[in-house]
PDB file of N, CA and C in Angstrom:
ATOM      1  N   MET A   1     -29.227 -45.643 122.139  1.00  0.00           N
ATOM      2  CA  MET A   1     -27.867 -46.602 121.927  1.00  0.00           C
ATOM      3  C   MET A   1     -27.421 -46.049 120.424  1.00  0.00           C
ATOM      4  N   TYR A   2     -26.493 -45.915 119.833  1.00  0.00           N
ATOM      5  CA  TYR A   2     -26.031 -45.494 118.434  1.00  0.00           C
ATOM      6  C   TYR A   2     -25.748 -46.730 117.692  1.00  0.00           C
ATOM      7  N   ARG A   3     -26.065 -46.638 116.474  1.00  0.00           N
ATOM      8  CA  ARG A   3     -26.046 -47.577 115.575  1.00  0.00           C
ATOM      9  C   ARG A   3     -25.191 -46.899 114.524  1.00  0.00           C
ATOM     10  N   PHE A   4     -25.076 -47.757 113.550  1.00  0.00           N
ATOM     11  CA  PHE A   4     -24.166 -47.711 112.720  1.00  0.00           C
ATOM     12  C   PHE A   4     -24.957 -47.168 111.537  1.00  0.00           C
ATOM     13  N   ASP A   5     -24.601 -46.034 110.696  1.00  0.00           N
ATOM     14  CA  ASP A   5     -25.346 -45.633 109.470  1.00  0.00           C
ATOM     15  C   ASP A   5     -24.350 -45.454 108.590  1.00  0.00           C
ATOM     16  N   ALA A   6     -24.530 -46.339 107.364  1.00  0.00           N
ATOM     17  CA  ALA A   6     -23.474 -46.284 106.441  1.00  0.00           C
ATOM     18  C   ALA A   6     -23.698 -44.914 105.552  1.00  0.00           C
ATOM     19  N   SER A   7     -24.837 -44.360 105.262  1.00  0.00           N
ATOM     20  CA  SER A   7     -25.096 -43.085 104.609  1.00  0.00           C
ATOM     21  C   SER A   7     -24.493 -42.057 105.120  1.00  0.00           C
ATOM     22  N   ARG A   8     -23.958 -41.974 106.684  1.00  0.00           N
ATOM     23  CA  ARG A   8     -23.236 -40.811 106.855  1.00  0.00           C
ATOM     24  C   ARG A   8     -21.698 -40.669 106.631  1.00  0.00           C
ATOM     25  N   LEU A   9     -21.586 -40.478 105.348  1.00  0.00           N
ATOM     26  CA  LEU A   9     -20.266 -39.957 104.661  1.00  0.00           C
ATOM     27  C   LEU A   9     -19.738 -38.986 105.261  1.00  0.00           C
ATOM     28  N   ASP A  10     -20.289 -37.940 106.194  1.00  0.00           N
ATOM     29  CA  ASP A  10     -20.015 -36.627 106.463  1.00  0.00           C
ATOM     30  C   ASP A  10     -19.196 -37.395 107.641  1.00  0.00           C
ATOM     31  N   LEU A  11     -19.202 -38.213 108.044  1.00  0.00           N
ATOM     32  CA  LEU A  11     -18.206 -39.025 109.442  1.00  0.00           C
ATOM     33  C   LEU A  11     -16.979 -39.271 108.908  1.00  0.00           C
ATOM     34  N   ALA A  12     -17.059 -40.100 107.999  1.00  0.00           N
ATOM     35  CA  ALA A  12     -15.932 -40.563 107.292  1.00  0.00           C
ATOM     36  C   ALA A  12     -15.138 -39.084 107.010  1.00  0.00           C
ATOM     37  N   ARG A  13     -15.456 -38.170 106.596  1.00  0.00           N
ATOM     38  CA  ARG A  13     -14.986 -37.053 106.006  1.00  0.00           C
ATOM     39  C   ARG A  13     -14.255 -36.432 107.064  1.00  0.00           C
ATOM     40  N   GLU A  14     -15.100 -36.338 107.688  1.00  0.00           N
ATOM     41  CA  GLU A  14     -14.535 -35.552 109.237  1.00  0.00           C
ATOM     42  C   GLU A  14     -13.342 -36.472 109.889  1.00  0.00           C
ATOM     43  N   TYR A  15     -13.332 -37.603 109.975  1.00  0.00           N
ATOM     44  CA  TYR A  15     -12.230 -38.313 110.475  1.00  0.00           C
ATOM     45  C   TYR A  15     -11.121 -38.210 109.736  1.00  0.00           C
ATOM     46  N   LYS A  16     -11.405 -38.159 108.417  1.00  0.00           N
ATOM     47  CA  LYS A  16     -10.306 -38.044 107.056  1.00  0.00           C
ATOM     48  C   LYS A  16      -9.328 -36.699 107.147  1.00  0.00           C
ATOM     49  N   ALA A  17     -10.501 -35.846 107.131  1.00  0.00           N
ATOM     50  CA  ALA A  17      -9.397 -34.396 107.594  1.00  0.00           C
ATOM     51  C   ALA A  17      -9.039 -33.952 108.742  1.00  0.00           C
ATOM     52  N   ARG A  18      -9.478 -35.027 109.962  1.00  0.00           N
ATOM     53  CA  ARG A  18      -8.880 -34.534 111.243  1.00  0.00           C
ATOM     54  C   ARG A  18      -8.579 -36.045 112.183  1.00  0.00           C
ATOM     55  N   PRO A  19      -7.602 -37.103 111.855  1.00  0.00           N
ATOM     56  CA  PRO A  19      -7.965 -38.005 112.649  1.00  0.00           C
ATOM     57  C   PRO A  19      -7.556 -38.049 113.928  1.00  0.00           C
ATOM     58  N   PHE A  20      -6.984 -37.072 114.282  1.00  0.00           N
ATOM     59  CA  PHE A  20      -6.326 -37.169 115.772  1.00  0.00           C
ATOM     60  C   PHE A  20      -7.090 -35.710 116.405  1.00  0.00           C
ATOM     61  N   GLY A  21      -7.278 -35.458 117.773  1.00  0.00           N
ATOM     62  CA  GLY A  21      -7.844 -34.699 118.379  1.00  0.00           C
ATOM     63  C   GLY A  21      -9.197 -34.667 118.781  1.00  0.00           C
ATOM     64  N   GLU A  22      -9.931 -33.646 119.087  1.00  0.00           N
ATOM     65  CA  GLU A  22     -11.431 -33.517 119.467  1.00  0.00           C
ATOM     66  C   GLU A  22     -12.050 -34.243 118.387  1.00  0.00           C
ATOM     67  N   HIS A  23     -13.094 -34.696 118.273  1.00  0.00           N
ATOM     68  CA  HIS A  23     -14.144 -35.012 117.126  1.00  0.00           C
ATOM     69  C   HIS A  23     -16.003 -34.327 117.653  1.00  0.00           C
ATOM     70  N   SER A  24     -16.417 -34.598 116.762  1.00  0.00           N
ATOM     71  CA  SER A  24     -17.927 -33.987 117.050  1.00  0.00           C
ATOM     72  C   SER A  24     -18.677 -35.595 117.871  1.00  0.00           C
ATOM     73  N   PRO A  25     -19.543 -35.097 118.281  1.00  0.00           N
ATOM     74  CA  PRO A  25     -19.946 -36.187 119.142  1.00  0.00           C
ATOM     75  C   PRO A  25     -20.508 -37.231 118.074  1.00  0.00           C
ATOM     76  N   ASP A  26     -21.443 -37.288 117.256  1.00  0.00           N
ATOM     77  CA  ASP A  26     -21.230 -38.388 116.214  1.00  0.00           C
ATOM     78  C   ASP A  26     -20.330 -39.103 115.923  1.00  0.00           C
ATOM     79  N   LEU A  27     -18.824 -38.605 115.500  1.00  0.00           N
ATOM     80  CA  LEU A  27     -17.771 -39.226 114.725  1.00  0.00           C
ATOM     81  C   LEU A  27     -17.303 -40.043 116.232  1.00  0.00           C
ATOM     82  N   GLN A  28     -17.315 -39.132 117.492  1.00  0.00           N
ATOM     83  CA  GLN A  28     -16.826 -40.177 118.790  1.00  0.00           C
ATOM     84  C   GLN A  28     -17.560 -41.322 118.734  1.00  0.00           C
ATOM     85  N   TYR A  29     -18.870 -41.202 118.816  1.00  0.00           N
ATOM     86  CA  TYR A  29     -19.689 -42.325 118.872  1.00  0.00           C
ATOM     87  C   TYR A  29     -19.233 -43.488 118.429  1.00  0.00           C
ATOM     88  N   LEU A  30     -19.402 -43.196 116.788  1.00  0.00           N
ATOM     89  CA  LEU A  30     -18.826 -43.877 115.634  1.00  0.00           C
ATOM     90  C   LEU A  30     -17.333 -45.010 115.830  1.00  0.00           C
ATOM     91  N   LEU A  31     -16.465 -43.714 116.451  1.00  0.00           N
ATOM     92  CA  LEU A  31     -14.999 -44.400 116.670  1.00  0.00           C
ATOM     93  C   LEU A  31     -15.058 -45.221 118.147  1.00  0.00           C
ATOM     94  N   ASN A  32     -15.794 -44.898 118.658  1.00  0.00           N
ATOM     95  CA  ASN A  32     -16.156 -46.489 119.951  1.00  0.00           C
ATOM     96  C   ASN A  32     -16.418 -46.970 119.570  1.00  0.00           C
ATOM     97  N   LEU A  33     -17.936 -47.503 118.496  1.00  0.00           N
ATOM     98  CA  LEU A  33     -18.212 -48.233 118.255  1.00  0.00           C
ATOM     99  C   LEU A  33     -17.309 -49.212 117.286  1.00  0.00           C
ATOM    100  N   MET A  34     -16.807 -48.615 116.752  1.00  0.00           N
ATOM    101  CA  MET A  34     -15.546 -49.466 115.845  1.00  0.00           C
ATOM    102  C   MET A  34     -14.404 -50.168 116.533  1.00  0.00           C
ATOM    103  N   ARG A  35     -14.374 -49.134 117.606  1.00  0.00           N
ATOM    104  CA  ARG A  35     -13.076 -49.910 118.662  1.00  0.00           C
ATOM    105  C   ARG A  35     -13.411 -50.829 119.727  1.00  0.00           C
ATOM    106  N   THR A  36     -14.875 -51.153 119.816  1.00  0.00           N
ATOM    107  CA  THR A  36     -15.419 -52.064 120.575  1.00  0.00           C
ATOM    108  C   THR A  36     -16.149 -52.725 119.945  1.00  0.00           C
ATOM    109  N   ARG A  37     -16.314 -53.087 119.257  1.00  0.00           N
ATOM    110  CA  ARG A  37     -16.914 -54.326 118.403  1.00  0.00           C
ATOM    111  C   ARG A  37     -16.150 -55.623 118.757  1.00  0.00           C
ATOM    112  N   GLU A  38     -16.349 -56.955 118.106  1.00  0.00           N
ATOM    113  CA  GLU A  38     -15.950 -57.967 118.477  1.00  0.00           C
ATOM    114  C   GLU A  38     -14.191 -57.766 118.319  1.00  0.00           C
ATOM    115  N   THR A  39     -13.262 -58.729 119.149  1.00  0.00           N
ATOM    116  CA  THR A  39     -11.697 -58.196 119.040  1.00  0.00           C
ATOM    117  C   THR A  39     -11.509 -58.955 118.120  1.00  0.00           C
ATOM    118  N   ASP A  40     -11.933 -60.417 117.888  1.00  0.00           N
ATOM    119  CA  ASP A  40     -11.137 -61.415 116.972  1.00  0.00           C
ATOM    120  C   ASP A  40     -11.448 -61.087 115.479  1.00  0.00           C
ATOM    121  N   GLY A  41      -9.907 -61.077 114.911  1.00  0.00           N
ATOM    122  CA  GLY A  41     -10.138 -60.305 113.501  1.00  0.00           C
ATOM    123  C   GLY A  41     -10.157 -59.016 113.376  1.00  0.00           C
ATOM    124  N   ARG A  42     -10.294 -58.278 114.258  1.00  0.00           N
ATOM    125  CA  ARG A  42     -10.179 -56.768 113.965  1.00  0.00           C
ATOM    126  C   ARG A  42      -8.808 -56.281 113.716  1.00  0.00           C
ATOM    127  N   HIS A  43      -9.078 -55.465 112.536  1.00  0.00           N
ATOM    128  CA  HIS A  43      -7.690 -54.741 111.882  1.00  0.00           C
ATOM    129  C   HIS A  43      -6.878 -53.596 113.153  1.00  0.00           C
ATOM    130  N   VAL A  44      -6.022 -53.643 113.517  1.00  0.00           N
ATOM    131  CA  VAL A  44      -5.361 -52.733 114.302  1.00  0.00           C
ATOM    132  C   VAL A  44      -3.872 -52.346 113.393  1.00  0.00           C
ATOM    133  N   LEU A  45      -3.246 -51.338 114.256  1.00  0.00           N
ATOM    134  CA  LEU A  45      -2.010 -51.359 113.784  1.00  0.00           C
ATOM    135  C   LEU A  45      -0.765 -51.575 114.862  1.00  0.00           C
ATOM    136  N   VAL A  46      -0.074 -51.813 114.632  1.00  0.00           N
ATOM    137  CA  VAL A  46       1.562 -52.285 115.610  1.00  0.00           C
ATOM    138  C   VAL A  46       2.587 -51.280 114.665  1.00  0.00           C
ATOM    139  N   MET A  47       2.956 -50.825 116.185  1.00  0.00           N
ATOM    140  CA  MET A  47       4.131 -50.099 115.617  1.00  0.00           C
ATOM    141  C   MET A  47       5.688 -50.822 115.571  1.00  0.00           C
ATOM    142  N   THR A  48       6.004 -51.047 114.277  1.00  0.00           N
ATOM    143  CA  THR A  48       7.155 -51.853 113.952  1.00  0.00           C
ATOM    144  C   THR A  48       8.314 -51.128 113.998  1.00  0.00           C
ATOM    145  N   GLN A  49       8.319 -49.988 114.008  1.00  0.00           N
ATOM    146  CA  GLN A  49       9.691 -49.022 114.244  1.00  0.00           C
ATOM    147  C   GLN A  49       9.279 -47.627 115.112  1.00  0.00           C
ATOM    148  N   PRO A  50       9.883 -47.656 116.065  1.00  0.00           N
ATOM    149  CA  PRO A  50       9.220 -46.753 116.894  1.00  0.00           C
ATOM    150  C   PRO A  50       9.110 -45.523 116.029  1.00  0.00           C
ATOM    151  N   HIS A  51       8.069 -44.767 116.321  1.00  0.00           N
ATOM    152  CA  HIS A  51       7.236 -43.459 115.750  1.00  0.00           C
ATOM    153  C   HIS A  51       7.540 -43.349 114.386  1.00  0.00           C
ATOM    154  N   ALA A  52       7.967 -44.502 113.543  1.00  0.00           N
ATOM    155  CA  ALA A  52       8.433 -44.340 112.128  1.00  0.00           C
ATOM    156  C   ALA A  52       7.690 -45.275 111.088  1.00  0.00           C
ATOM    157  N   GLN A  53       7.053 -46.349 111.459  1.00  0.00           N
ATOM    158  CA  GLN A  53       6.386 -47.457 110.977  1.00  0.00           C
ATOM    159  C   GLN A  53       5.505 -47.920 111.666  1.00  0.00           C
ATOM    160  N   TRP A  54       4.453 -48.482 111.066  1.00  0.00           N
ATOM    161  CA  TRP A  54       3.081 -49.034 111.799  1.00  0.00           C
ATOM    162  C   TRP A  54       2.715 -50.054 110.651  1.00  0.00           C
ATOM    163  N   THR A  55       2.533 -51.083 111.162  1.00  0.00           N
ATOM    164  CA  THR A  55       1.997 -52.628 109.820  1.00  0.00           C
ATOM    165  C   THR A  55       0.748 -52.831 110.401  1.00  0.00           C
ATOM    166  N   LEU A  56      -0.352 -52.942 109.650  1.00  0.00           N
ATOM    167  CA  LEU A  56      -1.400 -53.178 109.690  1.00  0.00           C
ATOM    168  C   LEU A  56      -1.496 -54.837 109.889  1.00  0.00           C
ATOM    169  N   ALA A  57      -2.431 -54.935 111.048  1.00  0.00           N
ATOM    170  CA  ALA A  57      -2.517 -56.628 111.684  1.00  0.00           C
ATOM    171  C   ALA A  57      -4.086 -56.655 111.854  1.00  0.00           C
ATOM    172  N   ARG A  58      -3.941 -57.787 112.511  1.00  0.00           N
ATOM    173  CA  ARG A  58      -5.413 -58.543 112.942  1.00  0.00           C
ATOM    174  C   ARG A  58      -5.205 -59.061 114.014  1.00  0.00           C
ATOM    175  N   LEU A  59      -6.243 -58.743 115.028  1.00  0.00           N
ATOM    176  CA  LEU A  59      -6.321 -59.020 116.469  1.00  0.00           C
ATOM    177  C   LEU A  59      -6.726 -61.194 116.189  1.00  0.00           C
ATOM    178  N   THR A  60      -6.186 -61.708 117.168  1.00  0.00           N
ATOM    179  CA  THR A  60      -6.281 -62.855 117.306  1.00  0.00           C
ATOM    180  C   THR A  60      -6.828 -63.167 118.486  1.00  0.00           C
ATOM    181  N   ASN A  61      -7.358 -64.355 118.794  1.00  0.00           N
ATOM    182  CA  ASN A  61      -7.764 -65.293 119.940  1.00  0.00           C
ATOM    183  C   ASN A  61      -8.219 -64.445 121.171  1.00  0.00           C
ATOM    184  N   GLY A  62      -9.184 -63.502 120.499  1.00  0.00           N
ATOM    185  CA  GLY A  62     -10.028 -62.313 121.204  1.00  0.00           C
ATOM    186  C   GLY A  62      -9.052 -61.445 121.940  1.00  0.00           C
ATOM    187  N   ASN A  63      -8.224 -61.351 121.340  1.00  0.00           N
ATOM    188  CA  ASN A  63      -7.375 -60.340 121.602  1.00  0.00           C
ATOM    189  C   ASN A  63      -6.508 -60.879 122.776  1.00  0.00           C
ATOM    190  N   GLN A  64      -6.144 -62.428 122.917  1.00  0.00           N
ATOM    191  CA  GLN A  64      -5.195 -63.169 123.734  1.00  0.00           C
ATOM    192  C   GLN A  64      -4.072 -63.265 123.328  1.00  0.00           C
ATOM    193  N   GLY A  65      -3.925 -63.724 121.962  1.00  0.00           N
ATOM    194  CA  GLY A  65      -2.744 -63.919 121.238  1.00  0.00           C
ATOM    195  C   GLY A  65      -2.302 -62.635 120.534  1.00  0.00           C
ATOM    196  N   PRO A  66      -1.106 -63.253 119.945  1.00  0.00           N
ATOM    197  CA  PRO A  66      -0.556 -61.964 119.568  1.00  0.00           C
ATOM    198  C   PRO A  66      -1.195 -61.858 118.149  1.00  0.00           C
ATOM    199  N   PRO A  67      -1.180 -60.076 117.892  1.00  0.00           N
ATOM    200  CA  PRO A  67      -1.626 -59.848 116.589  1.00  0.00           C
ATOM    201  C   PRO A  67      -1.103 -60.659 114.937  1.00  0.00           C
ATOM    202  N   ARG A  68      -1.732 -60.855 113.998  1.00  0.00           N
ATOM    203  CA  ARG A  68      -1.012 -61.311 113.075  1.00  0.00           C
ATOM    204  C   ARG A  68      -0.672 -60.181 112.034  1.00  0.00           C
ATOM    205  N   LEU A  69       0.942 -60.260 111.981  1.00  0.00           N
ATOM    206  CA  LEU A  69       0.799 -59.416 111.413  1.00  0.00           C
ATOM    207  C   LEU A  69       0.514 -58.914 109.489  1.00  0.00           C
ATOM    208  N   THR A  70       0.456 -58.177 108.868  1.00  0.00           N
ATOM    209  CA  THR A  70       0.436 -58.221 106.959  1.00  0.00           C
ATOM    210  C   THR A  70       1.601 -58.088 106.818  1.00  0.00           C
ATOM    211  N   ASN A  71       1.622 -57.781 105.269  1.00  0.00           N
ATOM    212  CA  ASN A  71       2.701 -57.346 104.738  1.00  0.00           C
ATOM    213  C   ASN A  71       2.533 -55.632 104.285  1.00  0.00           C
ATOM    214  N   VAL A  72       1.454 -54.941 104.897  1.00  0.00           N
ATOM    215  CA  VAL A  72       1.078 -53.590 104.917  1.00  0.00           C
ATOM    216  C   VAL A  72       1.819 -52.805 105.788  1.00  0.00           C
ATOM    217  N   THR A  73       2.599 -51.768 104.843  1.00  0.00           N
ATOM    218  CA  THR A  73       3.289 -51.035 106.300  1.00  0.00           C
ATOM    219  C   THR A  73       2.952 -49.487 105.785  1.00  0.00           C
ATOM    220  N   PHE A  74       2.909 -48.751 106.809  1.00  0.00           N
ATOM    221  CA  PHE A  74       3.134 -47.084 106.816  1.00  0.00           C
ATOM    222  C   PHE A  74       3.973 -46.232 107.298  1.00  0.00           C
ATOM    223  N   ASP A  75       4.602 -45.476 106.725  1.00  0.00           N
ATOM    224  CA  ASP A  75       5.449 -44.598 107.319  1.00  0.00           C
ATOM    225  C   ASP A  75       4.769 -43.632 107.703  1.00  0.00           C
ATOM    226  N   ASN A  76       3.497 -43.319 107.726  1.00  0.00           N
ATOM    227  CA  ASN A  76       2.571 -41.958 108.197  1.00  0.00           C
ATOM    228  C   ASN A  76       1.378 -42.719 108.978  1.00  0.00           C
ATOM    229  N   LEU A  77       1.283 -42.183 110.355  1.00  0.00           N
ATOM    230  CA  LEU A  77       0.587 -42.423 111.099  1.00  0.00           C
ATOM    231  C   LEU A  77      -1.143 -41.922 110.828  1.00  0.00           C
ATOM    232  N   GLU A  78      -1.311 -41.014 110.334  1.00  0.00           N
ATOM    233  CA  GLU A  78      -2.314 -40.544 109.426  1.00  0.00           C
ATOM    234  C   GLU A  78      -2.616 -41.518 108.320  1.00  0.00           C
ATOM    235  N   ALA A  79      -1.927 -41.509 107.838  1.00  0.00           N
ATOM    236  CA  ALA A  79      -2.300 -43.074 106.168  1.00  0.00           C
ATOM    237  C   ALA A  79      -2.661 -43.725 106.949  1.00  0.00           C
ATOM    238  N   ALA A  80      -2.334 -44.625 108.025  1.00  0.00           N
ATOM    239  CA  ALA A  80      -2.251 -45.638 108.706  1.00  0.00           C
ATOM    240  C   ALA A  80      -3.744 -46.037 109.466  1.00  0.00           C
ATOM    241  N   GLU A  81      -3.969 -44.638 110.106  1.00  0.00           N
ATOM    242  CA  GLU A  81      -5.131 -44.769 110.754  1.00  0.00           C
ATOM    243  C   GLU A  81      -6.374 -44.783 109.530  1.00  0.00           C
ATOM    244  N   TRP A  82      -6.173 -43.856 108.766  1.00  0.00           N
ATOM    245  CA  TRP A  82      -7.267 -43.688 107.833  1.00  0.00           C
ATOM    246  C   TRP A  82      -7.472 -45.405 106.943  1.00  0.00           C
ATOM    247  N   ALA A  83      -6.564 -46.169 106.484  1.00  0.00           N
ATOM    248  CA  ALA A  83      -6.573 -47.114 106.439  1.00  0.00           C
ATOM    249  C   ALA A  83      -7.493 -48.115 107.413  1.00  0.00           C
ATOM    250  N   VAL A  84      -7.183 -47.929 108.454  1.00  0.00           N
ATOM    251  CA  VAL A  84      -7.961 -48.787 109.474  1.00  0.00           C
ATOM    252  C   VAL A  84      -9.343 -48.513 109.730  1.00  0.00           C
ATOM    253  N   PHE A  85      -9.634 -47.226 109.536  1.00  0.00           N
ATOM    254  CA  PHE A  85     -11.027 -46.724 109.529  1.00  0.00           C
ATOM    255  C   PHE A  85     -11.618 -47.171 108.011  1.00  0.00           C
ATOM    256  N   ARG A  86     -11.093 -47.343 107.564  1.00  0.00           N
ATOM    257  CA  ARG A  86     -11.750 -47.545 106.001  1.00  0.00           C
ATOM    258  C   ARG A  86     -12.416 -49.379 106.167  1.00  0.00           C
ATOM    259  N   LEU A  87     -11.396 -50.083 106.562  1.00  0.00           N
ATOM    260  CA  LEU A  87     -11.204 -51.441 106.905  1.00  0.00           C
ATOM    261  C   LEU A  87     -12.276 -51.275 107.896  1.00  0.00           C
ATOM    262  N   ARG A  88     -12.174 -50.831 108.761  1.00  0.00           N
ATOM    263  CA  ARG A  88     -13.563 -51.191 109.749  1.00  0.00           C
ATOM    264  C   ARG A  88     -14.783 -50.502 109.307  1.00  0.00           C
ATOM    265  N   TRP A  89     -14.655 -49.657 108.547  1.00  0.00           N
ATOM    266  CA  TRP A  89     -16.019 -49.282 107.804  1.00  0.00           C
ATOM    267  C   TRP A  89     -16.790 -50.319 107.371  1.00  0.00           C
ATOM    268  N   GLU A  90     -15.640 -50.764 106.772  1.00  0.00           N
ATOM    269  CA  GLU A  90     -16.443 -51.810 105.318  1.00  0.00           C
ATOM    270  C   GLU A  90     -16.740 -52.874 106.317  1.00  0.00           C
ATOM    271  N   ALA A  91     -16.065 -53.347 107.321  1.00  0.00           N
ATOM    272  CA  ALA A  91     -16.360 -54.781 107.987  1.00  0.00           C
ATOM    273  C   ALA A  91     -17.918 -54.330 108.653  1.00  0.00           C
ATOM    274  N   MET A  92     -18.411 -53.470 108.783  1.00  0.00           N
ATOM    275  CA  MET A  92     -19.409 -52.835 109.299  1.00  0.00           C
ATOM    276  C   MET A  92     -20.502 -52.535 108.428  1.00  0.00           C
ATOM    277  N   ALA A  93     -19.982 -52.043 107.423  1.00  0.00           N
ATOM    278  CA  ALA A  93     -21.326 -51.646 106.407  1.00  0.00           C
ATOM    279  C   ALA A  93     -21.587 -52.730 105.089  1.00  0.00           C
ATOM    280  N   GLY A  94     -20.471 -53.691 105.276  1.00  0.00           N
ATOM    281  CA  GLY A  94     -20.486 -54.727 104.234  1.00  0.00           C
ATOM    282  C   GLY A  94     -20.248 -54.710 102.694  1.00  0.00           C
ATOM    283  N   ALA A  95     -19.882 -53.202 102.656  1.00  0.00           N
ATOM    284  CA  ALA A  95     -18.972 -52.519 101.426  1.00  0.00           C
ATOM    285  C   ALA A  95     -18.347 -51.513 101.923  1.00  0.00           C
ATOM    286  N   PRO A  96     -17.400 -51.415 100.490  1.00  0.00           N
ATOM    287  CA  PRO A  96     -16.521 -50.724 101.059  1.00  0.00           C
ATOM    288  C   PRO A  96     -16.629 -49.104 100.854  1.00  0.00           C
ATOM    289  N   LEU A  97     -15.943 -48.391 102.022  1.00  0.00           N
ATOM    290  CA  LEU A  97     -16.260 -46.926 102.034  1.00  0.00           C
ATOM    291  C   LEU A  97     -15.739 -45.989 100.792  1.00  0.00           C
ATOM    292  N   PRO A  98     -16.862 -45.483 100.502  1.00  0.00           N
ATOM    293  CA  PRO A  98     -16.826 -45.190  98.815  1.00  0.00           C
ATOM    294  C   PRO A  98     -15.773 -43.042  98.813  1.00  0.00           C
ATOM    295  N   ILE A  99     -15.149 -43.516  99.789  1.00  0.00           N
ATOM    296  CA  ILE A  99     -14.169 -42.077  99.897  1.00  0.00           C
ATOM    297  C   ILE A  99     -12.983 -42.625 100.007  1.00  0.00           C
ATOM    298  N   GLU A 100     -11.878 -41.819  98.918  1.00  0.00           N
ATOM    299  CA  GLU A 100     -10.409 -42.466  98.752  1.00  0.00           C
ATOM    300  C   GLU A 100      -9.819 -41.624  99.860  1.00  0.00           C
TER     301      GLU A 100
END
């Protein structure tokens, strides 16, 4: 079973360089872990303008309720995905990701 290892900054760098497409097996395992953790309160993106704007949100009621939108928006999907990755990393590590 794969476990989160906060020392694997190489995986964060790999994701930042290529957030879309095929990933190394270790990065794919990490992404699967990040995406399948508890749903309540997990950070997600909501497309608020078709293919033009994404808003950071948090899941509510075990993903049964509407996402709670924040005031943080992005006009670049790569930047939005990186922001969510960093937030999920922090939630798992208990400390911010030391990569901007």
